[in-house]
Amino acid sequence: MIGKVISGRYQIIQNLGGGGFGQTFLAEDLQLPDHHKCVVKKLSPTSNDAFVVKIASRLFETEARVLHQLGSHDRIPRLLAHFEEDSEFYLVQELIEGDDLTQELIAKDRTVDGYPVGRMKETQTIAFLMDILETLDFVHQQGAIHRDIKPANLMRRHGDGKIVLIDFGAVKQVGTATAIGSTVAIGTDGYMPNEQAIGKPRPCSDLYAVGAIAIQGLTGLAPNLLSENLETGELAWRNAPAHAAFKYRAVVSDGLARIIDKLVKYDFRDRYQSAEAVLTDLRKLDSAIAPTLVSNTKQTNFQEITSSFEAHDNVATKFSPLKSPRDYFPINRRKNQLVAIALGIVSAIALVGTVMFLRPSSVINNNVNVSSPNFKYLFLSERPIEIQDVAGKSEYELDIMRNEIFARYGRRFQDPELQAYFNKQPWYKPIYEPDRFPEGLLTSIEQQNVDYLLNFQVRSAQKTSNANTCDYTKRVISDPNPPINVRQGGGVDYAIVGKLNNGTQITVTGEKQGWLQISDPIAGWVAANRTKPICL
């Protein structure tokens, strides 16, 4: 195909990959100036089976029809052409310059106790949800269900950092099938809820996938590797239970956790039924936290968390400083003095008599004023932080506190979500790119407070992760109609290998789809909802 020209205008220049139903190529439009690049999808089922070919053709045609119907939404690739040539079917779409979220969500670091570090903080998760849900709201209003939302199908556009929803090859139009049951089950494990797995997708099936991606961002673990709550069958995503095969945890406020919980409910009837409903709750959460920064996060044993911190502690000597490419900048006092003198002169000229040179400050732009009364956390530049300043604060609030120090000096942020938050602040005047922020602008008090906040956040996360007091590997039988059946596998279709009476203690070695694998007193599987944990 490389070098071939189709429809007299699209020249194939690169193979981008393929799936079970087709191949995708990069092409140049020879009829446009500068030979503008585009994406060509060719219908090419990997099987010659008549049923597979029929399904592939139907999906290909549906993708073209839906893309045309969705029109020119800013975060959906535009359909440029759809045609048949030499008995082959083609789609031509707008090329999105960007990278998918696959690599962006893979955990690269682990804590000292072995937990993966999620790539999303709370503020980033909220921004991600609002970004993709705005697009999904439009898609659903047009009567379409995407059916394959996953990190690989979400592109972060290079130009503005916005998320673009791609690959509508699995899209379903609501109401097009004669019966819901006739729909083909399509999706990706971990992001596909149970009703979609049996061929009955609904708009809230897409919402489940969005919630699963948010969880992946917070925990650093793919959703198909998460364990279930053995009592409810729901995803146990905030802290890995003792029976989990992998260690994970998420540092997140109760408010955001409630929204994510509702997105990924096992029963579709318990989920949000529209993207707009989720957006409404997220906006309430955002408006409740961002301006006032009032936390609703439950603090577990706060005295224990803060016991090693004293008022006016210099955490730079008490703990090793935690360096972050986003918000850690060492102090160079000599450079700080020179910058202060130079900037004081510039400020004196620009502001005629303003004495901003009395403290080190980023005044290259005379709109930057680090003493503005509009700053929520001005005290972070005036005195060392104290325990009461962080009491009751969520992870999100602590992130804002720490990064406001840099934002006052006009620093931009690599994270588009964090950048979006400060863009909303009337005092914020971005000047410096993240990698060009002058190292010496922060005062010694500001740098000390940055170190303190970083250390406090890490210690808080470690303490709250140990709150689980139930041993989920040891449970007891609690069946309303005893004795309970022990089966060869996880399901009622498996043969019965024994029975257990109520009160019998069992040892759990695994779980799957609401069933527990046990090793004692009988090896086999039992229904999870007919057992109870043994709590300390």
Protein backbone atom coordinates (compact mmCIF):
# COMPACT_ATOMS: atom_id res chain seq x y z
CA MET A 1 0.00 0.00 0.00
CA ILE A 2 2.92 2.39 0.62
CA GLY A 3 3.07 4.88 -2.24
CA LYS A 4 -0.37 3.94 -3.59
CA VAL A 5 -2.78 6.77 -4.48
CA ILE A 6 -6.45 6.11 -3.78
CA SER A 7 -9.43 8.10 -5.00
CA GLY A 8 -6.98 10.05 -7.14
CA ARG A 9 -5.80 12.21 -4.23
CA TYR A 10 -4.71 10.31 -1.07
CA GLN A 11 -1.18 8.91 -1.25
CA ILE A 12 -0.32 6.32 1.41
CA ILE A 13 3.03 7.11 3.08
CA GLN A 14 3.08 5.04 6.30
CA ASN A 15 1.40 2.05 7.95
CA LEU A 16 0.05 3.08 11.37
CA GLY A 17 -1.18 -0.37 12.43
CA GLY A 18 -4.30 -2.46 12.28
CA GLY A 19 -6.87 -4.50 14.14
CA GLY A 20 -9.27 -7.32 13.56
CA PHE A 21 -11.41 -5.35 11.10
CA GLY A 22 -9.06 -3.00 9.25
CA GLN A 23 -5.76 -1.27 8.69
CA THR A 24 -4.82 2.34 9.29
CA PHE A 25 -2.39 4.43 7.24
CA LEU A 26 -0.91 7.89 7.21
CA ALA A 27 -1.51 9.63 3.89
CA GLU A 28 -1.01 12.92 2.10
CA ASP A 29 -3.81 14.78 0.35
CA LEU A 30 -2.30 15.60 -3.04
CA GLN A 31 -5.08 18.06 -3.87
CA LEU A 32 -4.38 20.36 -0.90
CA PRO A 33 -1.53 22.87 -0.52
CA ASP A 34 1.52 21.44 1.25
CA HIS A 35 0.02 17.95 0.81
CA HIS A 36 -1.83 18.10 4.13
CA LYS A 37 -1.57 14.81 6.07
CA CYS A 38 -4.59 12.70 6.98
CA VAL A 39 -5.50 9.22 8.24
CA VAL A 40 -6.84 6.51 5.90
CA LYS A 41 -8.65 3.47 7.30
CA LYS A 42 -9.12 0.48 5.02
CA LEU A 43 -11.68 -2.23 5.71
CA SER A 44 -9.62 -5.43 5.89
CA PRO A 45 -11.01 -8.19 8.15
CA THR A 46 -8.40 -10.67 9.32
CA SER A 47 -10.86 -13.51 8.76
CA ASN A 48 -12.74 -14.54 5.61
CA ASP A 49 -15.58 -15.95 7.69
CA ALA A 50 -18.86 -14.63 6.29
CA PHE A 51 -20.13 -13.58 9.72
CA VAL A 52 -16.93 -11.69 10.56
CA VAL A 53 -16.95 -9.92 7.20
CA LYS A 54 -20.59 -8.94 7.71
CA ILE A 55 -19.91 -7.52 11.18
CA ALA A 56 -16.79 -5.69 9.99
CA SER A 57 -18.67 -4.12 7.09
CA ARG A 58 -21.47 -3.02 9.37
CA LEU A 59 -19.09 -1.44 11.87
CA PHE A 60 -17.12 0.29 9.12
CA GLU A 61 -20.27 1.76 7.61
CA THR A 62 -21.54 2.81 11.03
CA GLU A 63 -18.26 4.55 11.84
CA ALA A 64 -18.48 6.61 8.66
CA ARG A 65 -22.12 7.50 9.26
CA VAL A 66 -21.55 8.51 12.88
CA LEU A 67 -18.43 10.55 12.13
CA HIS A 68 -20.36 12.40 9.46
CA GLN A 69 -23.24 12.94 11.89
CA LEU A 70 -20.94 14.25 14.62
CA GLY A 71 -19.74 16.88 12.20
CA SER A 72 -16.89 19.17 13.17
CA HIS A 73 -16.69 18.84 16.95
CA ASP A 74 -13.35 20.24 18.07
CA ARG A 75 -12.32 17.06 19.93
CA ILE A 76 -13.48 14.43 17.44
CA PRO A 77 -11.59 13.74 14.17
CA ARG A 78 -13.47 15.06 11.15
CA LEU A 79 -14.56 12.66 8.41
CA LEU A 80 -12.99 13.85 5.16
CA ALA A 81 -14.14 11.10 2.79
CA HIS A 82 -15.79 7.67 2.61
CA PHE A 83 -15.66 5.70 -0.63
CA GLU A 84 -15.28 2.34 -2.37
CA GLU A 85 -12.49 1.66 -4.85
CA ASP A 86 -11.62 -1.66 -6.53
CA SER A 87 -14.07 -3.42 -4.21
CA GLU A 88 -12.22 -2.00 -1.17
CA PHE A 89 -13.81 0.38 1.35
CA TYR A 90 -11.98 3.40 2.79
CA LEU A 91 -12.44 6.12 5.40
CA VAL A 92 -10.37 9.31 5.37
CA GLN A 93 -10.15 11.24 8.62
CA GLU A 94 -8.46 14.31 10.07
CA LEU A 95 -5.01 13.58 11.51
CA ILE A 96 -4.71 14.45 15.20
CA GLU A 97 -1.20 15.60 16.11
CA GLY A 98 -0.65 14.26 19.60
CA ASP A 99 0.04 11.25 21.81
CA ASP A 100 -2.42 8.81 23.26
CA LEU A 101 -2.74 8.46 27.04
CA THR A 102 -1.26 4.94 27.23
CA GLN A 103 2.23 6.05 28.22
CA GLU A 104 0.93 9.02 30.17
CA LEU A 105 -0.88 6.74 32.62
CA ILE A 106 1.78 4.08 33.17
CA ALA A 107 3.21 4.34 36.67
CA LYS A 108 6.95 5.00 36.52
CA ASP A 109 7.72 5.19 40.22
CA ARG A 110 6.95 3.27 43.38
CA THR A 111 6.81 4.35 46.99
CA VAL A 112 9.34 3.05 49.49
CA ASP A 113 6.77 0.45 50.59
CA GLY A 114 6.20 -0.82 47.06
CA TYR A 115 3.03 0.94 45.91
CA PRO A 116 2.85 2.27 42.33
CA VAL A 117 2.61 6.05 42.19
CA GLY A 118 -0.36 7.16 40.09
CA ARG A 119 0.41 9.72 37.38
CA MET A 120 -2.66 11.82 38.16
CA LYS A 121 -3.20 13.97 41.23
CA GLU A 122 -6.74 14.94 42.19
CA THR A 123 -6.72 18.25 40.32
CA GLN A 124 -5.51 16.49 37.17
CA THR A 125 -8.17 13.80 37.51
CA ILE A 126 -10.96 16.36 37.78
CA ALA A 127 -9.68 18.21 34.73
CA PHE A 128 -9.36 14.94 32.77
CA LEU A 129 -12.93 13.92 33.62
CA MET A 130 -14.38 17.29 32.66
CA ASP A 131 -12.43 17.33 29.40
CA ILE A 132 -13.50 13.91 28.10
CA LEU A 133 -17.04 14.10 29.53
CA GLU A 134 -17.75 17.31 27.62
CA THR A 135 -16.98 15.42 24.41
CA LEU A 136 -18.93 12.33 25.48
CA ASP A 137 -21.95 14.45 26.33
CA PHE A 138 -22.00 15.64 22.71
CA VAL A 139 -21.53 12.10 21.35
CA HIS A 140 -24.37 10.70 23.45
CA GLN A 141 -26.68 13.56 22.54
CA GLN A 142 -26.20 12.54 18.90
CA GLY A 143 -27.46 9.06 19.76
CA ALA A 144 -24.09 7.29 19.63
CA ILE A 145 -22.16 5.08 22.08
CA HIS A 146 -18.41 4.85 21.55
CA ARG A 147 -17.98 1.38 23.16
CA ASP A 148 -14.17 1.37 23.22
CA ILE A 149 -13.02 4.22 25.42
CA LYS A 150 -9.53 3.43 26.70
CA PRO A 151 -6.20 5.27 27.00
CA ALA A 152 -5.14 4.23 23.48
CA ASN A 153 -8.23 5.93 22.04
CA LEU A 154 -7.70 9.23 23.85
CA MET A 155 -5.19 11.58 22.24
CA ARG A 156 -3.69 14.56 24.04
CA ARG A 157 -3.42 17.13 21.28
CA HIS A 158 -0.03 18.80 21.01
CA GLY A 159 -1.34 22.28 20.33
CA ASP A 160 -3.50 22.85 23.40
CA GLY A 161 -3.28 19.73 25.55
CA LYS A 162 -6.96 18.91 25.02
CA ILE A 163 -8.10 15.29 24.86
CA VAL A 164 -9.46 14.12 21.49
CA LEU A 165 -11.65 11.01 21.30
CA ILE A 166 -10.56 8.81 18.39
CA ASP A 167 -11.34 5.44 16.78
CA PHE A 168 -15.09 5.21 16.37
CA GLY A 169 -14.71 1.77 14.81
CA ALA A 170 -16.75 0.17 17.61
CA VAL A 171 -19.39 2.90 17.76
CA LYS A 172 -23.05 1.91 18.10
CA GLN A 173 -26.03 4.05 17.24
CA VAL A 174 -28.73 3.81 19.87
CA GLY A 175 -31.90 2.27 18.47
CA THR A 176 -30.38 0.89 15.27
CA ALA A 177 -30.58 -2.77 16.30
CA THR A 178 -33.89 -4.61 16.14
CA ALA A 179 -33.15 -5.90 19.64
CA ILE A 180 -30.50 -4.93 22.13
CA GLY A 181 -29.48 -8.55 22.45
CA SER A 182 -28.45 -8.66 18.80
CA THR A 183 -25.61 -6.21 19.37
CA VAL A 184 -22.09 -7.59 19.09
CA ALA A 185 -20.02 -7.44 22.29
CA ILE A 186 -17.08 -5.13 21.58
CA GLY A 187 -14.73 -3.40 24.00
CA THR A 188 -11.52 -3.76 26.00
CA ASP A 189 -11.11 -5.75 29.20
CA GLY A 190 -10.98 -3.56 32.28
CA TYR A 191 -12.74 -0.64 30.60
CA MET A 192 -15.82 -2.61 29.49
CA PRO A 193 -18.66 -3.07 32.03
CA ASN A 194 -20.63 -6.29 32.35
CA GLU A 195 -23.68 -5.21 30.32
CA GLN A 196 -21.44 -4.31 27.38
CA ALA A 197 -19.63 -7.63 27.66
CA ILE A 198 -22.91 -9.43 26.97
CA GLY A 199 -23.71 -7.19 24.00
CA LYS A 200 -26.06 -4.70 25.69
CA PRO A 201 -24.16 -1.38 25.79
CA ARG A 202 -25.74 1.82 27.03
CA PRO A 203 -24.45 5.40 27.24
CA CYS A 204 -23.48 4.75 30.87
CA SER A 205 -21.19 1.97 29.58
CA ASP A 206 -18.95 4.71 28.18
CA LEU A 207 -19.09 6.47 31.55
CA TYR A 208 -17.83 3.30 33.24
CA ALA A 209 -14.78 3.34 30.96
CA VAL A 210 -14.07 6.98 31.79
CA GLY A 211 -14.22 6.19 35.51
CA ALA A 212 -11.89 3.21 35.02
CA ILE A 213 -9.31 5.45 33.31
CA ALA A 214 -9.54 7.98 36.15
CA ILE A 215 -8.86 5.16 38.62
CA GLN A 216 -5.89 4.05 36.53
CA GLY A 217 -4.50 7.57 36.66
CA LEU A 218 -4.86 7.74 40.45
CA THR A 219 -3.58 4.26 41.29
CA GLY A 220 -1.04 3.64 38.54
CA LEU A 221 -2.62 0.24 37.90
CA ALA A 222 -4.66 -0.92 34.89
CA PRO A 223 -8.32 -1.46 35.91
CA ASN A 224 -8.34 -5.15 34.97
CA LEU A 225 -5.74 -5.72 37.70
CA LEU A 226 -7.86 -4.21 40.48
CA SER A 227 -9.65 -6.38 43.02
CA GLU A 228 -13.31 -6.32 43.97
CA ASN A 229 -14.91 -5.57 47.29
CA LEU A 230 -15.88 -9.02 48.49
CA GLU A 231 -18.99 -7.69 50.24
CA THR A 232 -20.48 -5.66 47.38
CA GLY A 233 -18.78 -6.86 44.19
CA GLU A 234 -17.75 -3.26 43.41
CA LEU A 235 -14.19 -2.27 42.48
CA ALA A 236 -12.04 -1.86 45.60
CA TRP A 237 -9.90 0.86 44.06
CA ARG A 238 -9.01 3.27 46.86
CA ASN A 239 -6.94 0.72 48.81
CA ALA A 240 -5.93 -2.77 47.77
CA PRO A 241 -7.58 -5.35 50.06
CA ALA A 242 -5.43 -8.00 51.68
CA HIS A 243 -6.52 -10.63 49.15
CA ALA A 244 -5.50 -8.48 46.16
CA ALA A 245 -2.87 -9.84 43.78
CA PHE A 246 -1.31 -6.36 43.38
CA LYS A 247 -0.59 -3.53 45.79
CA TYR A 248 -2.22 -0.19 45.00
CA ARG A 249 -3.85 2.81 46.62
CA ALA A 250 -5.29 6.17 45.62
CA VAL A 251 -4.92 9.43 47.50
CA VAL A 252 -8.20 11.18 46.74
CA SER A 253 -10.83 13.26 48.53
CA ASP A 254 -14.12 11.67 49.55
CA GLY A 255 -16.01 14.02 47.22
CA LEU A 256 -14.19 12.95 44.07
CA ALA A 257 -14.18 9.31 45.23
CA ARG A 258 -17.99 9.35 45.44
CA ILE A 259 -18.22 10.56 41.85
CA ILE A 260 -15.78 7.91 40.59
CA ASP A 261 -17.57 5.21 42.61
CA LYS A 262 -20.83 6.09 40.87
CA LEU A 263 -19.14 6.03 37.46
CA VAL A 264 -17.93 2.44 37.90
CA LYS A 265 -20.89 0.83 39.65
CA TYR A 266 -21.27 -2.81 38.68
CA ASP A 267 -25.02 -2.44 38.02
CA PHE A 268 -25.61 0.06 35.21
CA ARG A 269 -28.79 1.24 36.94
CA ASP A 270 -26.73 2.54 39.85
CA ARG A 271 -24.40 4.57 37.62
CA TYR A 272 -24.70 8.09 36.31
CA GLN A 273 -27.02 7.95 33.33
CA SER A 274 -25.57 10.90 31.44
CA ALA A 275 -22.27 12.70 31.04
CA GLU A 276 -23.98 15.98 31.92
CA ALA A 277 -25.01 14.59 35.32
CA VAL A 278 -21.35 13.78 36.07
CA LEU A 279 -20.24 17.21 34.89
CA THR A 280 -22.80 18.85 37.16
CA ASP A 281 -21.39 17.05 40.20
CA LEU A 282 -17.79 17.77 39.16
CA ARG A 283 -18.54 21.48 38.81
CA LYS A 284 -20.02 21.51 42.30
CA LEU A 285 -16.91 19.78 43.58
CA ASP A 286 -14.62 22.15 41.72
CA SER A 287 -16.49 25.27 42.88
CA ALA A 288 -16.57 23.97 46.43
CA ILE A 289 -12.83 23.28 46.54
CA ALA A 290 -11.09 25.73 44.26
CA PRO A 291 -12.20 29.14 45.64
CA THR A 292 -12.61 28.25 49.31
CA LEU A 293 -10.47 25.13 49.52
CA VAL A 294 -12.73 23.59 52.16
CA SER A 295 -11.89 19.91 52.58
CA ASN A 296 -14.37 17.12 53.10
CA THR A 297 -11.63 14.49 53.27
CA LYS A 298 -11.77 12.33 56.38
CA GLN A 299 -8.46 12.53 58.24
CA THR A 300 -7.55 9.17 59.78
CA ASN A 301 -5.68 9.54 63.10
CA PHE A 302 -4.46 13.04 62.23
CA GLN A 303 -2.48 13.38 65.46
CA GLU A 304 -0.41 10.36 64.47
CA ILE A 305 0.19 11.73 60.99
CA THR A 306 1.41 15.09 62.27
CA SER A 307 3.14 13.96 65.47
CA SER A 308 6.62 14.29 64.01
CA PHE A 309 6.00 17.83 62.72
CA GLU A 310 6.39 20.74 65.08
CA ALA A 311 5.57 24.40 64.54
CA HIS A 312 8.38 26.22 62.70
CA ASP A 313 10.18 22.94 61.95
CA ASN A 314 12.81 23.29 59.28
CA VAL A 315 11.89 20.19 57.31
CA ALA A 316 14.89 20.67 55.05
CA THR A 317 17.00 19.45 57.98
CA LYS A 318 14.45 17.09 59.51
CA PHE A 319 13.70 15.20 56.28
CA SER A 320 15.51 14.75 53.00
CA PRO A 321 14.04 17.22 50.48
CA LEU A 322 11.78 15.60 47.87
CA LYS A 323 12.67 16.84 44.42
CA SER A 324 10.02 17.13 41.76
CA PRO A 325 10.55 18.45 38.22
CA ARG A 326 7.29 20.33 38.61
CA ASP A 327 7.76 22.24 41.81
CA TYR A 328 11.20 21.86 43.37
CA PHE A 329 13.81 24.56 42.80
CA PRO A 330 17.00 24.77 44.92
CA ILE A 331 18.01 28.15 46.34
CA ASN A 332 21.05 29.92 45.00
CA ARG A 333 21.46 32.81 47.42
CA ARG A 334 24.10 34.66 45.41
CA LYS A 335 21.97 34.51 42.29
CA ASN A 336 18.92 35.46 44.35
CA GLN A 337 20.60 38.65 45.51
CA LEU A 338 21.65 39.66 42.00
CA VAL A 339 18.19 38.96 40.63
CA ALA A 340 16.60 40.99 43.43
CA ILE A 341 18.82 44.01 42.73
CA ALA A 342 18.24 43.90 38.97
CA LEU A 343 14.55 43.38 39.28
CA GLY A 344 14.27 46.13 41.86
CA ILE A 345 15.72 48.59 39.36
CA VAL A 346 13.33 47.48 36.64
CA SER A 347 10.40 47.75 39.02
CA ALA A 348 11.43 51.23 40.19
CA ILE A 349 11.53 52.46 36.63
CA ALA A 350 8.27 50.79 35.62
CA LEU A 351 6.24 51.60 38.70
CA VAL A 352 7.74 55.01 39.61
CA GLY A 353 8.54 54.77 43.27
CA THR A 354 7.28 51.26 44.04
CA VAL A 355 9.75 49.62 46.37
CA MET A 356 9.31 46.01 45.30
CA PHE A 357 13.07 45.49 45.64
CA LEU A 358 12.65 45.17 49.41
CA ARG A 359 12.00 41.40 48.97
CA PRO A 360 13.17 38.93 46.31
CA SER A 361 10.43 38.81 43.75
CA SER A 362 9.58 37.99 40.16
CA VAL A 363 8.93 41.51 38.91
CA ILE A 364 10.22 41.24 35.39
CA ASN A 365 6.58 41.67 34.49
CA ASN A 366 5.26 44.57 36.56
CA ASN A 367 1.87 42.84 36.81
CA VAL A 368 3.41 40.23 39.11
CA ASN A 369 2.79 41.21 42.73
CA VAL A 370 3.64 38.58 45.30
CA SER A 371 1.98 40.58 48.07
CA SER A 372 -1.44 40.66 46.39
CA PRO A 373 -4.30 40.32 48.93
CA ASN A 374 -6.08 38.04 46.42
CA PHE A 375 -3.70 35.16 47.10
CA LYS A 376 -5.37 32.42 49.08
CA TYR A 377 -2.15 31.34 50.76
CA LEU A 378 -0.16 34.54 51.08
CA PHE A 379 1.16 33.43 54.48
CA LEU A 380 3.35 30.82 52.72
CA SER A 381 5.61 33.72 51.69
CA GLU A 382 5.53 35.41 55.09
CA ARG A 383 6.20 32.77 57.74
CA PRO A 384 7.06 29.08 58.18
CA ILE A 385 4.10 26.77 57.80
CA GLU A 386 2.52 25.31 60.95
CA ILE A 387 0.55 22.16 61.68
CA GLN A 388 -2.78 23.98 61.85
CA ASP A 389 -2.22 25.29 58.32
CA VAL A 390 -2.44 21.79 56.85
CA ALA A 391 -4.99 20.27 59.24
CA GLY A 392 -7.97 18.87 57.35
CA LYS A 393 -6.56 19.67 53.91
CA SER A 394 -7.07 17.20 51.07
CA GLU A 395 -4.34 16.15 48.63
CA TYR A 396 -5.87 18.53 46.09
CA GLU A 397 -5.71 21.50 48.43
CA LEU A 398 -2.13 20.77 49.43
CA ASP A 399 -1.15 20.65 45.75
CA ILE A 400 -2.73 24.05 45.19
CA MET A 401 -1.05 25.53 48.27
CA ARG A 402 2.37 24.33 47.18
CA ASN A 403 2.12 25.38 43.54
CA GLU A 404 0.56 28.76 44.27
CA ILE A 405 3.99 29.82 45.50
CA PHE A 406 5.43 29.27 42.02
CA ALA A 407 2.36 30.63 40.23
CA ARG A 408 2.75 34.01 41.96
CA TYR A 409 6.09 34.45 40.21
CA GLY A 410 4.53 33.70 36.83
CA ARG A 411 5.60 30.08 36.42
CA ARG A 412 3.77 27.98 33.86
CA PHE A 413 3.09 24.30 34.57
CA GLN A 414 3.77 21.17 32.56
CA ASP A 415 0.49 19.64 33.68
CA PRO A 416 -2.29 21.18 31.55
CA GLU A 417 -4.82 20.57 34.31
CA LEU A 418 -2.78 22.48 36.90
CA GLN A 419 -2.19 25.22 34.36
CA ALA A 420 -5.94 25.45 33.77
CA TYR A 421 -6.59 25.97 37.49
CA PHE A 422 -4.21 28.91 37.78
CA ASN A 423 -5.44 30.39 34.51
CA LYS A 424 -8.74 30.94 36.34
CA GLN A 425 -7.09 33.08 39.01
CA PRO A 426 -7.37 36.85 38.27
CA TRP A 427 -3.89 37.55 39.65
CA TYR A 428 -2.07 34.92 37.59
CA LYS A 429 0.27 36.27 34.89
CA PRO A 430 2.24 33.41 33.25
CA ILE A 431 5.79 34.40 32.32
CA TYR A 432 8.21 31.48 32.61
CA GLU A 433 8.15 28.09 30.93
CA PRO A 434 8.55 25.28 33.52
CA ASP A 435 12.10 24.46 32.45
CA ARG A 436 13.16 28.12 32.42
CA PHE A 437 11.90 29.25 35.78
CA PRO A 438 14.72 31.16 37.55
CA GLU A 439 16.02 29.03 40.40
CA GLY A 440 16.62 31.87 42.81
CA LEU A 441 13.27 33.63 42.89
CA LEU A 442 11.84 31.76 45.88
CA THR A 443 12.73 33.10 49.31
CA SER A 444 14.14 30.78 51.94
CA ILE A 445 10.78 30.72 53.74
CA GLU A 446 8.94 29.82 50.53
CA GLN A 447 11.38 27.03 49.71
CA GLN A 448 11.13 25.69 53.26
CA ASN A 449 7.33 25.64 53.01
CA VAL A 450 7.46 23.81 49.68
CA ASP A 451 9.63 21.10 51.25
CA TYR A 452 7.34 20.89 54.27
CA LEU A 453 4.21 20.39 52.13
CA LEU A 454 5.86 17.72 49.98
CA ASN A 455 7.00 15.73 53.01
CA PHE A 456 3.65 16.10 54.75
CA GLN A 457 1.76 14.78 51.71
CA VAL A 458 3.97 11.70 51.47
CA ARG A 459 3.67 10.92 55.18
CA SER A 460 -0.10 11.44 55.13
CA ALA A 461 -0.50 9.02 52.22
CA GLN A 462 1.57 6.39 54.02
CA LYS A 463 -0.42 6.70 57.24
CA THR A 464 -3.89 6.62 55.69
CA SER A 465 -3.01 3.56 53.62
CA ASN A 466 -2.82 1.46 56.80
CA ALA A 467 -6.41 2.06 57.96
CA ASN A 468 -7.82 -1.32 56.86
CA THR A 469 -8.55 -3.53 59.91
CA CYS A 470 -10.34 -6.43 58.19
CA ASP A 471 -8.52 -9.62 57.23
CA TYR A 472 -10.04 -10.46 53.86
CA THR A 473 -8.12 -13.70 53.56
CA LYS A 474 -10.09 -15.11 56.51
CA ARG A 475 -13.87 -15.13 56.17
CA VAL A 476 -16.84 -17.01 57.56
CA ILE A 477 -19.80 -18.56 55.77
CA SER A 478 -23.06 -16.59 56.14
CA ASP A 479 -25.69 -18.12 53.84
CA PRO A 480 -29.41 -17.38 54.31
CA ASN A 481 -30.12 -20.93 53.10
CA PRO A 482 -27.28 -23.07 54.46
CA PRO A 483 -25.30 -25.08 53.74
CA ILE A 484 -23.44 -23.23 50.99
CA ASN A 485 -22.27 -25.08 47.88
CA VAL A 486 -18.55 -25.26 47.15
CA ARG A 487 -17.96 -25.56 43.39
CA GLN A 488 -15.08 -26.49 41.11
CA GLY A 489 -15.04 -23.04 39.50
CA GLY A 490 -16.40 -19.53 39.90
CA GLY A 491 -19.96 -19.96 38.67
CA VAL A 492 -23.17 -21.94 39.16
CA ASP A 493 -22.43 -24.06 36.10
CA TYR A 494 -19.49 -25.76 37.82
CA ALA A 495 -19.87 -29.05 39.66
CA ILE A 496 -20.46 -29.07 43.43
CA VAL A 497 -17.46 -30.50 45.31
CA GLY A 498 -18.74 -30.01 48.86
CA LYS A 499 -20.89 -28.00 51.28
CA LEU A 500 -20.14 -25.72 54.24
CA ASN A 501 -22.33 -24.66 57.17
CA ASN A 502 -22.75 -21.13 58.49
CA GLY A 503 -19.97 -20.00 60.81
CA THR A 504 -17.34 -22.09 59.05
CA GLN A 505 -14.10 -20.14 58.62
CA ILE A 506 -12.61 -20.21 55.13
CA THR A 507 -9.25 -19.15 53.68
CA VAL A 508 -9.52 -17.00 50.54
CA THR A 509 -6.80 -17.27 47.89
CA GLY A 510 -8.43 -15.37 45.01
CA GLU A 511 -11.58 -13.83 43.64
CA LYS A 512 -13.30 -13.42 40.28
CA GLN A 513 -16.63 -11.92 39.23
CA GLY A 514 -18.24 -12.20 42.67
CA TRP A 515 -16.82 -15.66 43.48
CA LEU A 516 -14.09 -16.52 46.00
CA GLN A 517 -11.46 -19.19 45.51
CA ILE A 518 -10.81 -20.94 48.82
CA SER A 519 -8.19 -23.42 49.99
CA ASP A 520 -9.55 -24.41 53.39
CA PRO A 521 -11.47 -26.35 54.68
CA ILE A 522 -12.41 -27.42 51.12
CA ALA A 523 -10.60 -26.35 47.96
CA GLY A 524 -13.01 -24.76 45.51
CA TRP A 525 -15.15 -21.66 44.89
CA VAL A 526 -18.00 -20.07 46.88
CA ALA A 527 -20.27 -17.07 46.24
CA ALA A 528 -18.70 -13.96 47.82
CA ASN A 529 -22.03 -12.49 48.94
CA ARG A 530 -22.67 -15.55 51.12
CA THR A 531 -19.59 -14.85 53.27
CA LYS A 532 -18.45 -12.17 55.73
CA PRO A 533 -14.98 -10.83 56.58
CA ILE A 534 -13.32 -11.36 59.94
CA CYS A 535 -12.52 -7.87 61.23
CA LEU A 536 -10.24 -7.01 64.12
